[in-house]
Amino acid sequence: MAGETASAPREGVLAGEPLRPAPPSPALFLALIAPKLDAVEEVFRASLASDVPLIGEAGAYLAGGGGKRVRPALLLLASRMLGHDGDEDVTYGAVVELIHTATLIHDDVIDHADLRRGRTAVNRLWGNHRTVLLGDWIYTLAMQMALSHGRVEVIRRLVGATLRMTEGELLALERLGFPGLTRDEYFAIIDRKTARLFAAACSVPALIPPARPDADRILTRYGEALGTCFQLVDDLLDFTGREEELGKPVLSDLKEGKLTLPLILLLPRVAAARRRLVEQVLEDRDFTRVAPEQILELVRAEGTLEEVGELAAQYAASARRELDPLPISPAREALELAPDFVLYRRS
């Protein structure tokens, strides 16, 4: 299984890279967890139902919006690798997806987003006030569901990840529109905003009895590395993706005032006139004075997309290495393949 790949090569998200083999089809390993992943989806959708009309309507809209369900899939694979055969992991898979959904809702309010996954963002349909309360309701619901199994350590892990995510959002807001954001500041933000929930999703199964402290440490580091890779690729896709695949326009981050790593690396290297192009977009929060093509040409000319792509590949390799101490199994092989799907995804 570990050596199977699709036969046709394709380009990855890394601009200018040579053609590489496509990652294996998800069917090669999702079959391991398909019934449980279906169960997670059922629990997720059912939990968003409510006799409060707004919650019921918005919940149905959110459930119909799709999503990759990456975090629940990782949780279920880790659970399978550790030999759990109950349904506790299904609950936690739905909980993690609910937490992720709540944070996306709040992010869209903060960012004044118009689109999410190619559809009108919830805040545009129901307004900011209702949407903030909806996000609060979904997060509280997630914690209530997690409590159903009475695992204090699991609750502590999930709450801790959410606290870090909130800190990351606050750090990002403090630096919104600031052209001097440093590489260290950037990584401090994405560690909190993305990597910690990945780490929690991967490591929660190690807290289900019989607890596995050794696997907990391994899966936490695996999730942190994979989550960092995921965010780096997300930032690359903002430059290299296609709107029909991303579900939002390219360079949305810059338009919202967010400086990501390709531009953080670029700005100290270019002349003031070129830096000014980026600064004008940050100031305007629009492409009125500067065309998107001018920004894209800058990063292509300086090669920072390739640099970030190589860094993402290093984090993917690091995630795979973290699994080395664990016994070989189909589930471990699937977790070893997951970084390739993250690295070469198109949306």
C-alpha atoms as a PDB file:
ATOM      1  CA  MET A   1       0.000   0.000   0.000  1.00  0.00           C
ATOM      2  CA  ALA A   2       2.705   2.493   0.948  1.00  0.00           C
ATOM      3  CA  GLY A   3       4.279   2.359  -2.492  1.00  0.00           C
ATOM      4  CA  GLU A   4       1.122   2.726  -4.580  1.00  0.00           C
ATOM      5  CA  THR A   5       0.751   5.944  -6.554  1.00  0.00           C
ATOM      6  CA  ALA A   6      -1.413   7.165  -9.368  1.00  0.00           C
ATOM      7  CA  SER A   7       0.277   6.778 -12.732  1.00  0.00           C
ATOM      8  CA  ALA A   8      -0.268  10.238 -14.207  1.00  0.00           C
ATOM      9  CA  PRO A   9       2.072  13.008 -13.044  1.00  0.00           C
ATOM     10  CA  ARG A  10       0.851  16.495 -12.280  1.00  0.00           C
ATOM     11  CA  GLU A  11       2.200  19.791 -11.038  1.00  0.00           C
ATOM     12  CA  GLY A  12       2.098  20.521  -7.342  1.00  0.00           C
ATOM     13  CA  VAL A  13       1.215  23.886  -5.865  1.00  0.00           C
ATOM     14  CA  LEU A  14       4.837  24.935  -5.863  1.00  0.00           C
ATOM     15  CA  ALA A  15       5.334  27.471  -8.640  1.00  0.00           C
ATOM     16  CA  GLY A  16       7.914  26.468 -11.192  1.00  0.00           C
ATOM     17  CA  GLU A  17       8.601  23.039  -9.738  1.00  0.00           C
ATOM     18  CA  PRO A  18       9.140  20.029 -12.021  1.00  0.00           C
ATOM     19  CA  LEU A  19       6.301  17.604 -12.568  1.00  0.00           C
ATOM     20  CA  ARG A  20       5.994  15.116  -9.721  1.00  0.00           C
ATOM     21  CA  PRO A  21       3.875  11.982  -9.334  1.00  0.00           C
ATOM     22  CA  ALA A  22       0.405  12.656  -7.986  1.00  0.00           C
ATOM     23  CA  PRO A  23      -0.162  11.484  -4.432  1.00  0.00           C
ATOM     24  CA  PRO A  24      -1.976   8.176  -3.989  1.00  0.00           C
ATOM     25  CA  SER A  25      -5.725   8.220  -4.341  1.00  0.00           C
ATOM     26  CA  PRO A  26      -7.476   8.870  -1.014  1.00  0.00           C
ATOM     27  CA  ALA A  27      -9.340   5.607  -1.589  1.00  0.00           C
ATOM     28  CA  LEU A  28      -6.105   3.743  -0.824  1.00  0.00           C
ATOM     29  CA  PHE A  29      -6.361   4.615   2.849  1.00  0.00           C
ATOM     30  CA  LEU A  30      -9.761   6.201   3.484  1.00  0.00           C
ATOM     31  CA  ALA A  31     -11.222   2.707   3.076  1.00  0.00           C
ATOM     32  CA  LEU A  32      -9.637   1.975   6.452  1.00  0.00           C
ATOM     33  CA  ILE A  33     -11.890   4.505   8.141  1.00  0.00           C
ATOM     34  CA  ALA A  34     -14.727   4.989   5.638  1.00  0.00           C
ATOM     35  CA  PRO A  35     -17.570   3.710   7.886  1.00  0.00           C
ATOM     36  CA  LYS A  36     -16.391   5.835  10.806  1.00  0.00           C
ATOM     37  CA  LEU A  37     -15.822   8.898   8.629  1.00  0.00           C
ATOM     38  CA  ASP A  38     -19.392   8.498   7.373  1.00  0.00           C
ATOM     39  CA  ALA A  39     -20.523   8.257  10.995  1.00  0.00           C
ATOM     40  CA  VAL A  40     -18.630  11.457  11.843  1.00  0.00           C
ATOM     41  CA  GLU A  41     -20.412  13.211   8.991  1.00  0.00           C
ATOM     42  CA  GLU A  42     -23.793  12.010  10.257  1.00  0.00           C
ATOM     43  CA  VAL A  43     -23.067  13.194  13.800  1.00  0.00           C
ATOM     44  CA  PHE A  44     -21.750  16.526  12.510  1.00  0.00           C
ATOM     45  CA  ARG A  45     -24.850  17.183  10.422  1.00  0.00           C
ATOM     46  CA  ALA A  46     -27.301  15.991  13.068  1.00  0.00           C
ATOM     47  CA  SER A  47     -25.671  18.123  15.756  1.00  0.00           C
ATOM     48  CA  LEU A  48     -26.286  21.294  13.727  1.00  0.00           C
ATOM     49  CA  ALA A  49     -30.056  20.747  13.778  1.00  0.00           C
ATOM     50  CA  SER A  50     -32.052  22.936  16.173  1.00  0.00           C
ATOM     51  CA  ASP A  51     -35.595  24.095  16.845  1.00  0.00           C
ATOM     52  CA  VAL A  52     -34.227  27.649  16.836  1.00  0.00           C
ATOM     53  CA  PRO A  53     -34.960  28.626  13.218  1.00  0.00           C
ATOM     54  CA  LEU A  54     -31.737  30.564  12.616  1.00  0.00           C
ATOM     55  CA  ILE A  55     -29.534  27.759  13.969  1.00  0.00           C
ATOM     56  CA  GLY A  56     -31.401  25.116  12.015  1.00  0.00           C
ATOM     57  CA  GLU A  57     -31.270  27.042   8.761  1.00  0.00           C
ATOM     58  CA  ALA A  58     -27.665  28.189   9.088  1.00  0.00           C
ATOM     59  CA  GLY A  59     -26.622  24.760  10.374  1.00  0.00           C
ATOM     60  CA  ALA A  60     -28.093  23.074   7.302  1.00  0.00           C
ATOM     61  CA  TYR A  61     -26.307  25.608   5.104  1.00  0.00           C
ATOM     62  CA  LEU A  62     -22.983  24.912   6.814  1.00  0.00           C
ATOM     63  CA  ALA A  63     -23.451  21.143   6.645  1.00  0.00           C
ATOM     64  CA  GLY A  64     -24.134  21.413   2.918  1.00  0.00           C
ATOM     65  CA  GLY A  65     -20.974  23.414   2.291  1.00  0.00           C
ATOM     66  CA  GLY A  66     -18.694  20.424   2.191  1.00  0.00           C
ATOM     67  CA  GLY A  67     -15.120  20.501   3.437  1.00  0.00           C
ATOM     68  CA  LYS A  68     -12.171  18.148   3.324  1.00  0.00           C
ATOM     69  CA  ARG A  69     -12.706  16.793   6.869  1.00  0.00           C
ATOM     70  CA  VAL A  70      -8.926  16.469   7.166  1.00  0.00           C
ATOM     71  CA  ARG A  71      -8.820  16.754  10.956  1.00  0.00           C
ATOM     72  CA  PRO A  72     -11.473  14.090  11.662  1.00  0.00           C
ATOM     73  CA  ALA A  73      -9.818  11.742   9.154  1.00  0.00           C
ATOM     74  CA  LEU A  74      -6.454  12.115  10.901  1.00  0.00           C
ATOM     75  CA  LEU A  75      -8.090  11.509  14.280  1.00  0.00           C
ATOM     76  CA  LEU A  76      -9.773   8.334  13.035  1.00  0.00           C
ATOM     77  CA  LEU A  77      -6.571   7.029  11.440  1.00  0.00           C
ATOM     78  CA  ALA A  78      -4.633   7.640  14.651  1.00  0.00           C
ATOM     79  CA  SER A  79      -7.385   5.892  16.601  1.00  0.00           C
ATOM     80  CA  ARG A  80      -7.277   2.902  14.280  1.00  0.00           C
ATOM     81  CA  MET A  81      -3.496   2.748  14.531  1.00  0.00           C
ATOM     82  CA  LEU A  82      -3.796   2.603  18.328  1.00  0.00           C
ATOM     83  CA  GLY A  83      -6.359  -0.203  18.170  1.00  0.00           C
ATOM     84  CA  HIS A  84      -9.523   1.564  19.352  1.00  0.00           C
ATOM     85  CA  ASP A  85     -12.689  -0.130  18.107  1.00  0.00           C
ATOM     86  CA  GLY A  86     -15.446   1.753  19.955  1.00  0.00           C
ATOM     87  CA  ASP A  87     -17.337   4.859  18.829  1.00  0.00           C
ATOM     88  CA  GLU A  88     -15.671   7.398  21.094  1.00  0.00           C
ATOM     89  CA  ASP A  89     -13.392   8.513  18.273  1.00  0.00           C
ATOM     90  CA  VAL A  90     -16.438   9.238  16.089  1.00  0.00           C
ATOM     91  CA  THR A  91     -17.678  11.696  18.703  1.00  0.00           C
ATOM     92  CA  TYR A  92     -14.288  13.390  18.904  1.00  0.00           C
ATOM     93  CA  GLY A  93     -14.006  13.521  15.114  1.00  0.00           C
ATOM     94  CA  ALA A  94     -17.297  15.438  14.951  1.00  0.00           C
ATOM     95  CA  VAL A  95     -16.197  17.645  17.853  1.00  0.00           C
ATOM     96  CA  VAL A  96     -12.969  18.614  16.090  1.00  0.00           C
ATOM     97  CA  GLU A  97     -14.875  19.459  12.902  1.00  0.00           C
ATOM     98  CA  LEU A  98     -17.366  21.557  14.885  1.00  0.00           C
ATOM     99  CA  ILE A  99     -14.522  23.484  16.536  1.00  0.00           C
ATOM    100  CA  HIS A 100     -12.944  24.053  13.127  1.00  0.00           C
ATOM    101  CA  THR A 101     -16.300  25.215  11.727  1.00  0.00           C
ATOM    102  CA  ALA A 102     -16.838  27.649  14.591  1.00  0.00           C
ATOM    103  CA  THR A 103     -13.423  29.201  14.060  1.00  0.00           C
ATOM    104  CA  LEU A 104     -14.040  29.580  10.314  1.00  0.00           C
ATOM    105  CA  ILE A 105     -17.316  31.364  11.036  1.00  0.00           C
ATOM    106  CA  HIS A 106     -15.606  33.798  13.386  1.00  0.00           C
ATOM    107  CA  ASP A 107     -12.722  34.274  10.929  1.00  0.00           C
ATOM    108  CA  ASP A 108     -15.136  35.244   8.169  1.00  0.00           C
ATOM    109  CA  VAL A 109     -16.733  37.875  10.407  1.00  0.00           C
ATOM    110  CA  ILE A 110     -13.338  39.305  11.325  1.00  0.00           C
ATOM    111  CA  ASP A 111     -12.142  39.262   7.699  1.00  0.00           C
ATOM    112  CA  HIS A 112     -15.412  40.628   6.262  1.00  0.00           C
ATOM    113  CA  ALA A 113     -15.305  37.630   3.935  1.00  0.00           C
ATOM    114  CA  ASP A 114     -17.732  37.293   1.035  1.00  0.00           C
ATOM    115  CA  LEU A 115     -17.030  33.666   0.138  1.00  0.00           C
ATOM    116  CA  ARG A 116     -16.296  30.428   1.935  1.00  0.00           C
ATOM    117  CA  ARG A 117     -15.708  27.248  -0.099  1.00  0.00           C
ATOM    118  CA  GLY A 118     -17.102  28.914  -3.193  1.00  0.00           C
ATOM    119  CA  ARG A 119     -20.387  29.891  -1.557  1.00  0.00           C
ATOM    120  CA  THR A 120     -21.631  33.043   0.124  1.00  0.00           C
ATOM    121  CA  ALA A 121     -20.138  33.276   3.612  1.00  0.00           C
ATOM    122  CA  VAL A 122     -22.562  32.827   6.510  1.00  0.00           C
ATOM    123  CA  ASN A 123     -21.924  36.342   7.794  1.00  0.00           C
ATOM    124  CA  ARG A 124     -23.089  37.764   4.462  1.00  0.00           C
ATOM    125  CA  LEU A 125     -26.343  35.832   4.688  1.00  0.00           C
ATOM    126  CA  TRP A 126     -27.254  36.308   8.339  1.00  0.00           C
ATOM    127  CA  GLY A 127     -25.198  39.341   9.390  1.00  0.00           C
ATOM    128  CA  ASN A 128     -22.257  39.642  11.768  1.00  0.00           C
ATOM    129  CA  HIS A 129     -24.195  39.736  15.043  1.00  0.00           C
ATOM    130  CA  ARG A 130     -26.113  36.523  14.409  1.00  0.00           C
ATOM    131  CA  THR A 131     -23.081  34.826  12.901  1.00  0.00           C
ATOM    132  CA  VAL A 132     -20.877  35.508  15.935  1.00  0.00           C
ATOM    133  CA  LEU A 133     -23.543  33.991  18.196  1.00  0.00           C
ATOM    134  CA  LEU A 134     -23.860  31.027  15.827  1.00  0.00           C
ATOM    135  CA  GLY A 135     -20.114  30.409  16.077  1.00  0.00           C
ATOM    136  CA  ASP A 136     -20.347  30.618  19.874  1.00  0.00           C
ATOM    137  CA  TRP A 137     -23.227  28.128  19.868  1.00  0.00           C
ATOM    138  CA  ILE A 138     -21.344  25.660  17.658  1.00  0.00           C
ATOM    139  CA  TYR A 139     -18.209  25.808  19.805  1.00  0.00           C
ATOM    140  CA  THR A 140     -20.205  25.348  23.026  1.00  0.00           C
ATOM    141  CA  LEU A 141     -22.060  22.449  21.411  1.00  0.00           C
ATOM    142  CA  ALA A 142     -18.713  20.853  20.531  1.00  0.00           C
ATOM    143  CA  MET A 143     -17.583  21.012  24.160  1.00  0.00           C
ATOM    144  CA  GLN A 144     -20.906  19.590  25.348  1.00  0.00           C
ATOM    145  CA  MET A 145     -20.505  16.667  22.955  1.00  0.00           C
ATOM    146  CA  ALA A 146     -16.927  16.077  24.074  1.00  0.00           C
ATOM    147  CA  LEU A 147     -18.096  15.949  27.696  1.00  0.00           C
ATOM    148  CA  SER A 148     -20.391  13.039  26.907  1.00  0.00           C
ATOM    149  CA  HIS A 149     -17.501  10.595  27.347  1.00  0.00           C
ATOM    150  CA  GLY A 150     -16.209  12.200  30.546  1.00  0.00           C
ATOM    151  CA  ARG A 151     -12.543  12.355  29.480  1.00  0.00           C
ATOM    152  CA  VAL A 152     -11.121  15.349  31.300  1.00  0.00           C
ATOM    153  CA  GLU A 153      -7.769  15.080  29.511  1.00  0.00           C
ATOM    154  CA  VAL A 154      -9.492  15.148  26.128  1.00  0.00           C
ATOM    155  CA  ILE A 155     -11.458  18.255  27.109  1.00  0.00           C
ATOM    156  CA  ARG A 156      -8.272  19.878  28.368  1.00  0.00           C
ATOM    157  CA  ARG A 157      -6.505  19.103  25.080  1.00  0.00           C
ATOM    158  CA  LEU A 158      -9.317  20.518  22.938  1.00  0.00           C
ATOM    159  CA  VAL A 159      -9.814  23.604  25.095  1.00  0.00           C
ATOM    160  CA  GLY A 160      -6.072  24.244  25.082  1.00  0.00           C
ATOM    161  CA  ALA A 161      -5.984  24.064  21.281  1.00  0.00           C
ATOM    162  CA  THR A 162      -8.899  26.496  21.038  1.00  0.00           C
ATOM    163  CA  LEU A 163      -7.243  28.933  23.435  1.00  0.00           C
ATOM    164  CA  ARG A 164      -4.098  28.879  21.308  1.00  0.00           C
ATOM    165  CA  MET A 165      -6.183  29.416  18.156  1.00  0.00           C
ATOM    166  CA  THR A 166      -7.811  32.467  19.711  1.00  0.00           C
ATOM    167  CA  GLU A 167      -4.390  33.806  20.722  1.00  0.00           C
ATOM    168  CA  GLY A 168      -3.198  33.305  17.151  1.00  0.00           C
ATOM    169  CA  GLU A 169      -6.136  35.268  15.799  1.00  0.00           C
ATOM    170  CA  LEU A 170      -5.436  38.100  18.248  1.00  0.00           C
ATOM    171  CA  LEU A 171      -1.762  38.152  17.291  1.00  0.00           C
ATOM    172  CA  ALA A 172      -2.734  38.261  13.623  1.00  0.00           C
ATOM    173  CA  LEU A 173      -5.169  41.107  14.208  1.00  0.00           C
ATOM    174  CA  GLU A 174      -2.510  43.126  16.008  1.00  0.00           C
ATOM    175  CA  ARG A 175      -0.302  42.838  12.904  1.00  0.00           C
ATOM    176  CA  LEU A 176      -3.057  43.208  10.305  1.00  0.00           C
ATOM    177  CA  GLY A 177      -1.924  45.514   7.517  1.00  0.00           C
ATOM    178  CA  PHE A 178       1.589  45.772   9.005  1.00  0.00           C
ATOM    179  CA  PRO A 179       4.306  45.368   6.337  1.00  0.00           C
ATOM    180  CA  GLY A 180       7.029  44.648   8.906  1.00  0.00           C
ATOM    181  CA  LEU A 181       5.681  41.286  10.096  1.00  0.00           C
ATOM    182  CA  THR A 182       8.670  39.026  10.785  1.00  0.00           C
ATOM    183  CA  ARG A 183       9.169  35.384   9.985  1.00  0.00           C
ATOM    184  CA  ASP A 184       9.182  34.537  13.715  1.00  0.00           C
ATOM    185  CA  GLU A 185       5.925  36.393  14.254  1.00  0.00           C
ATOM    186  CA  TYR A 186       4.387  34.610  11.290  1.00  0.00           C
ATOM    187  CA  PHE A 187       5.293  31.174  12.636  1.00  0.00           C
ATOM    188  CA  ALA A 188       4.052  32.092  16.115  1.00  0.00           C
ATOM    189  CA  ILE A 189       0.690  32.928  14.542  1.00  0.00           C
ATOM    190  CA  ILE A 190       0.315  29.827  12.378  1.00  0.00           C
ATOM    191  CA  ASP A 191       1.486  27.553  15.191  1.00  0.00           C
ATOM    192  CA  ARG A 192      -1.474  28.759  17.225  1.00  0.00           C
ATOM    193  CA  LYS A 193      -4.050  29.267  14.464  1.00  0.00           C
ATOM    194  CA  THR A 194      -3.519  25.993  12.597  1.00  0.00           C
ATOM    195  CA  ALA A 195      -0.919  23.607  13.987  1.00  0.00           C
ATOM    196  CA  ARG A 196      -2.381  23.241  17.489  1.00  0.00           C
ATOM    197  CA  LEU A 197      -5.779  21.945  16.331  1.00  0.00           C
ATOM    198  CA  PHE A 198      -4.053  19.490  13.982  1.00  0.00           C
ATOM    199  CA  ALA A 199      -1.940  18.330  16.932  1.00  0.00           C
ATOM    200  CA  ALA A 200      -5.017  17.926  19.133  1.00  0.00           C
ATOM    201  CA  ALA A 201      -6.900  15.986  16.450  1.00  0.00           C
ATOM    202  CA  CYS A 202      -3.990  13.594  15.940  1.00  0.00           C
ATOM    203  CA  SER A 203      -3.207  13.062  19.629  1.00  0.00           C
ATOM    204  CA  VAL A 204      -6.679  12.784  21.207  1.00  0.00           C
ATOM    205  CA  PRO A 205      -6.873   9.028  20.449  1.00  0.00           C
ATOM    206  CA  ALA A 206      -3.796   8.498  22.614  1.00  0.00           C
ATOM    207  CA  LEU A 207      -5.842   9.808  25.561  1.00  0.00           C
ATOM    208  CA  ILE A 208      -8.602   7.210  25.122  1.00  0.00           C
ATOM    209  CA  PRO A 209      -8.008   4.323  27.565  1.00  0.00           C
ATOM    210  CA  PRO A 210      -5.702   2.555  27.618  1.00  0.00           C
ATOM    211  CA  ALA A 211      -3.805   5.852  27.458  1.00  0.00           C
ATOM    212  CA  ARG A 212      -0.583   5.886  25.443  1.00  0.00           C
ATOM    213  CA  PRO A 213       1.721   8.702  26.649  1.00  0.00           C
ATOM    214  CA  ASP A 214       4.407   7.612  24.184  1.00  0.00           C
ATOM    215  CA  ALA A 215       2.040   7.796  21.228  1.00  0.00           C
ATOM    216  CA  ASP A 216       0.609  11.067  22.578  1.00  0.00           C
ATOM    217  CA  ARG A 217       3.989  12.773  22.268  1.00  0.00           C
ATOM    218  CA  ILE A 218       4.639  11.309  18.813  1.00  0.00           C
ATOM    219  CA  LEU A 219       1.209  12.181  17.424  1.00  0.00           C
ATOM    220  CA  THR A 220       1.318  15.689  18.894  1.00  0.00           C
ATOM    221  CA  ARG A 221       4.599  16.409  17.090  1.00  0.00           C
ATOM    222  CA  TYR A 222       3.266  14.758  13.930  1.00  0.00           C
ATOM    223  CA  GLY A 223       0.158  16.950  14.014  1.00  0.00           C
ATOM    224  CA  GLU A 224       2.133  20.128  14.668  1.00  0.00           C
ATOM    225  CA  ALA A 225       4.422  19.486  11.693  1.00  0.00           C
ATOM    226  CA  LEU A 226       1.540  18.499   9.428  1.00  0.00           C
ATOM    227  CA  GLY A 227      -0.536  21.495  10.506  1.00  0.00           C
ATOM    228  CA  THR A 228       2.350  23.850   9.762  1.00  0.00           C
ATOM    229  CA  CYS A 229       2.765  22.240   6.335  1.00  0.00           C
ATOM    230  CA  PHE A 230      -0.984  22.646   5.754  1.00  0.00           C
ATOM    231  CA  GLN A 231      -0.851  26.386   6.499  1.00  0.00           C
ATOM    232  CA  LEU A 232       2.230  26.974   4.368  1.00  0.00           C
ATOM    233  CA  VAL A 233       0.496  25.276   1.436  1.00  0.00           C
ATOM    234  CA  ASP A 234      -2.644  27.292   2.149  1.00  0.00           C
ATOM    235  CA  ASP A 235      -0.570  30.460   1.883  1.00  0.00           C
ATOM    236  CA  LEU A 236       1.019  29.255  -1.357  1.00  0.00           C
ATOM    237  CA  LEU A 237      -2.380  28.477  -2.855  1.00  0.00           C
ATOM    238  CA  ASP A 238      -3.381  32.085  -2.280  1.00  0.00           C
ATOM    239  CA  PHE A 239      -0.775  32.914  -4.946  1.00  0.00           C
ATOM    240  CA  THR A 240      -0.834  29.829  -7.168  1.00  0.00           C
ATOM    241  CA  GLY A 241      -4.359  28.420  -6.969  1.00  0.00           C
ATOM    242  CA  ARG A 242      -7.338  28.933  -9.228  1.00  0.00           C
ATOM    243  CA  GLU A 243     -10.436  30.704  -7.985  1.00  0.00           C
ATOM    244  CA  GLU A 244     -12.742  27.893  -9.084  1.00  0.00           C
ATOM    245  CA  GLU A 245     -10.732  25.427  -6.986  1.00  0.00           C
ATOM    246  CA  LEU A 246     -10.075  27.684  -3.990  1.00  0.00           C
ATOM    247  CA  GLY A 247     -13.629  28.971  -3.750  1.00  0.00           C
ATOM    248  CA  LYS A 248     -12.289  32.504  -3.329  1.00  0.00           C
ATOM    249  CA  PRO A 249     -10.195  34.960  -5.384  1.00  0.00           C
ATOM    250  CA  VAL A 250      -6.401  34.617  -5.437  1.00  0.00           C
ATOM    251  CA  LEU A 251      -4.455  37.014  -3.195  1.00  0.00           C
ATOM    252  CA  SER A 252      -7.403  37.188  -0.781  1.00  0.00           C
ATOM    253  CA  ASP A 253      -5.025  37.181   2.191  1.00  0.00           C
ATOM    254  CA  LEU A 254      -3.162  40.262   1.009  1.00  0.00           C
ATOM    255  CA  LYS A 255      -6.423  42.021   0.203  1.00  0.00           C
ATOM    256  CA  GLU A 256      -7.563  41.343   3.776  1.00  0.00           C
ATOM    257  CA  GLY A 257      -4.337  42.860   5.130  1.00  0.00           C
ATOM    258  CA  LYS A 258      -2.585  39.586   5.933  1.00  0.00           C
ATOM    259  CA  LEU A 259       1.089  39.256   5.107  1.00  0.00           C
ATOM    260  CA  THR A 260       2.069  35.635   4.525  1.00  0.00           C
ATOM    261  CA  LEU A 261       5.483  34.020   4.207  1.00  0.00           C
ATOM    262  CA  PRO A 262       6.087  34.468   0.436  1.00  0.00           C
ATOM    263  CA  LEU A 263       5.819  38.248   0.890  1.00  0.00           C
ATOM    264  CA  ILE A 264       7.531  38.303   4.292  1.00  0.00           C
ATOM    265  CA  LEU A 265      10.603  36.751   2.646  1.00  0.00           C
ATOM    266  CA  LEU A 266      10.332  39.042  -0.370  1.00  0.00           C
ATOM    267  CA  LEU A 267       9.990  42.501   1.174  1.00  0.00           C
ATOM    268  CA  PRO A 268      13.518  42.869   2.631  1.00  0.00           C
ATOM    269  CA  ARG A 269      15.055  41.843  -0.705  1.00  0.00           C
ATOM    270  CA  VAL A 270      13.432  44.294  -3.100  1.00  0.00           C
ATOM    271  CA  ALA A 271      13.814  48.004  -3.740  1.00  0.00           C
ATOM    272  CA  ALA A 272      11.554  50.522  -2.028  1.00  0.00           C
ATOM    273  CA  ALA A 273       9.438  51.062  -5.147  1.00  0.00           C
ATOM    274  CA  ARG A 274       8.570  47.377  -5.278  1.00  0.00           C
ATOM    275  CA  ARG A 275       7.923  47.157  -1.538  1.00  0.00           C
ATOM    276  CA  ARG A 276       5.550  50.057  -1.999  1.00  0.00           C
ATOM    277  CA  LEU A 277       3.337  47.941  -4.270  1.00  0.00           C
ATOM    278  CA  VAL A 278       2.662  45.520  -1.411  1.00  0.00           C
ATOM    279  CA  GLU A 279       2.235  48.324   1.100  1.00  0.00           C
ATOM    280  CA  GLN A 280      -0.380  50.006  -1.086  1.00  0.00           C
ATOM    281  CA  VAL A 281      -2.511  46.857  -1.185  1.00  0.00           C
ATOM    282  CA  LEU A 282      -2.200  46.517   2.600  1.00  0.00           C
ATOM    283  CA  GLU A 283      -3.292  50.138   2.998  1.00  0.00           C
ATOM    284  CA  ASP A 284      -6.171  50.002   0.503  1.00  0.00           C
ATOM    285  CA  ARG A 285      -7.372  46.483   1.318  1.00  0.00           C
ATOM    286  CA  ASP A 286      -8.083  46.336  -2.377  1.00  0.00           C
ATOM    287  CA  PHE A 287      -6.395  46.195  -5.766  1.00  0.00           C
ATOM    288  CA  THR A 288      -7.329  49.708  -6.816  1.00  0.00           C
ATOM    289  CA  ARG A 289      -3.829  51.152  -7.203  1.00  0.00           C
ATOM    290  CA  VAL A 290      -1.969  47.888  -7.741  1.00  0.00           C
ATOM    291  CA  ALA A 291      -3.048  45.003  -9.972  1.00  0.00           C
ATOM    292  CA  PRO A 292      -2.883  41.432  -8.624  1.00  0.00           C
ATOM    293  CA  GLU A 293      -0.606  40.545 -11.553  1.00  0.00           C
ATOM    294  CA  GLN A 294       2.010  42.981 -10.261  1.00  0.00           C
ATOM    295  CA  ILE A 295       2.188  41.193  -6.915  1.00  0.00           C
ATOM    296  CA  LEU A 296       2.276  37.784  -8.557  1.00  0.00           C
ATOM    297  CA  GLU A 297       5.117  38.899 -10.807  1.00  0.00           C
ATOM    298  CA  LEU A 298       7.080  40.093  -7.770  1.00  0.00           C
ATOM    299  CA  VAL A 299       6.988  36.745  -5.956  1.00  0.00           C
ATOM    300  CA  ARG A 300       7.708  34.826  -9.141  1.00  0.00           C
ATOM    301  CA  ALA A 301      10.720  36.980  -9.911  1.00  0.00           C
ATOM    302  CA  GLU A 302      12.178  36.645  -6.416  1.00  0.00           C
ATOM    303  CA  GLY A 303      11.575  32.886  -6.084  1.00  0.00           C
ATOM    304  CA  THR A 304       9.930  33.071  -2.673  1.00  0.00           C
ATOM    305  CA  LEU A 305       7.121  30.721  -3.688  1.00  0.00           C
ATOM    306  CA  GLU A 306       9.696  28.004  -4.310  1.00  0.00           C
ATOM    307  CA  GLU A 307      11.333  28.751  -0.964  1.00  0.00           C
ATOM    308  CA  VAL A 308       8.058  28.410   0.905  1.00  0.00           C
ATOM    309  CA  GLY A 309       7.270  25.265  -1.062  1.00  0.00           C
ATOM    310  CA  GLU A 310      10.573  23.718  -0.016  1.00  0.00           C
ATOM    311  CA  LEU A 311       9.878  24.651   3.587  1.00  0.00           C
ATOM    312  CA  ALA A 312       6.440  23.029   3.390  1.00  0.00           C
ATOM    313  CA  ALA A 313       8.096  19.887   2.011  1.00  0.00           C
ATOM    314  CA  GLN A 314      10.510  19.873   4.958  1.00  0.00           C
ATOM    315  CA  TYR A 315       7.612  20.000   7.426  1.00  0.00           C
ATOM    316  CA  ALA A 316       5.885  17.181   5.516  1.00  0.00           C
ATOM    317  CA  ALA A 317       9.034  15.065   5.790  1.00  0.00           C
ATOM    318  CA  SER A 318       9.338  15.920   9.478  1.00  0.00           C
ATOM    319  CA  ALA A 319       5.770  14.756  10.093  1.00  0.00           C
ATOM    320  CA  ARG A 320       6.509  11.417   8.418  1.00  0.00           C
ATOM    321  CA  ARG A 321       9.684  10.917  10.454  1.00  0.00           C
ATOM    322  CA  GLU A 322       7.810  11.432  13.724  1.00  0.00           C
ATOM    323  CA  LEU A 323       5.918   8.190  13.084  1.00  0.00           C
ATOM    324  CA  ASP A 324       9.071   6.050  12.840  1.00  0.00           C
ATOM    325  CA  PRO A 325       8.936   4.728  16.445  1.00  0.00           C
ATOM    326  CA  LEU A 326       5.411   3.352  15.995  1.00  0.00           C
ATOM    327  CA  PRO A 327       4.765  -0.205  14.743  1.00  0.00           C
ATOM    328  CA  ILE A 328       4.114  -0.520  11.023  1.00  0.00           C
ATOM    329  CA  SER A 329       0.438  -0.972  10.177  1.00  0.00           C
ATOM    330  CA  PRO A 330      -1.957   0.079   7.390  1.00  0.00           C
ATOM    331  CA  ALA A 331      -3.115   3.015   9.519  1.00  0.00           C
ATOM    332  CA  ARG A 332       0.444   4.185  10.128  1.00  0.00           C
ATOM    333  CA  GLU A 333       1.154   3.927   6.408  1.00  0.00           C
ATOM    334  CA  ALA A 334      -1.929   6.066   5.754  1.00  0.00           C
ATOM    335  CA  LEU A 335      -0.696   8.693   8.203  1.00  0.00           C
ATOM    336  CA  GLU A 336       2.673   8.628   6.441  1.00  0.00           C
ATOM    337  CA  LEU A 337       0.909   9.362   3.139  1.00  0.00           C
ATOM    338  CA  ALA A 338      -1.175  12.224   4.532  1.00  0.00           C
ATOM    339  CA  PRO A 339       1.632  14.831   4.195  1.00  0.00           C
ATOM    340  CA  ASP A 340       1.707  14.218   0.424  1.00  0.00           C
ATOM    341  CA  PHE A 341      -1.987  15.013   0.149  1.00  0.00           C
ATOM    342  CA  VAL A 342      -1.449  18.179   2.149  1.00  0.00           C
ATOM    343  CA  LEU A 343       1.600  19.177   0.137  1.00  0.00           C
ATOM    344  CA  TYR A 344       0.045  18.670  -3.292  1.00  0.00           C
ATOM    345  CA  ARG A 345      -3.559  19.664  -2.656  1.00  0.00           C
ATOM    346  CA  ARG A 346      -5.170  22.259  -4.913  1.00  0.00           C
ATOM    347  CA  SER A 347      -7.746  23.717  -2.572  1.00  0.00           C
END
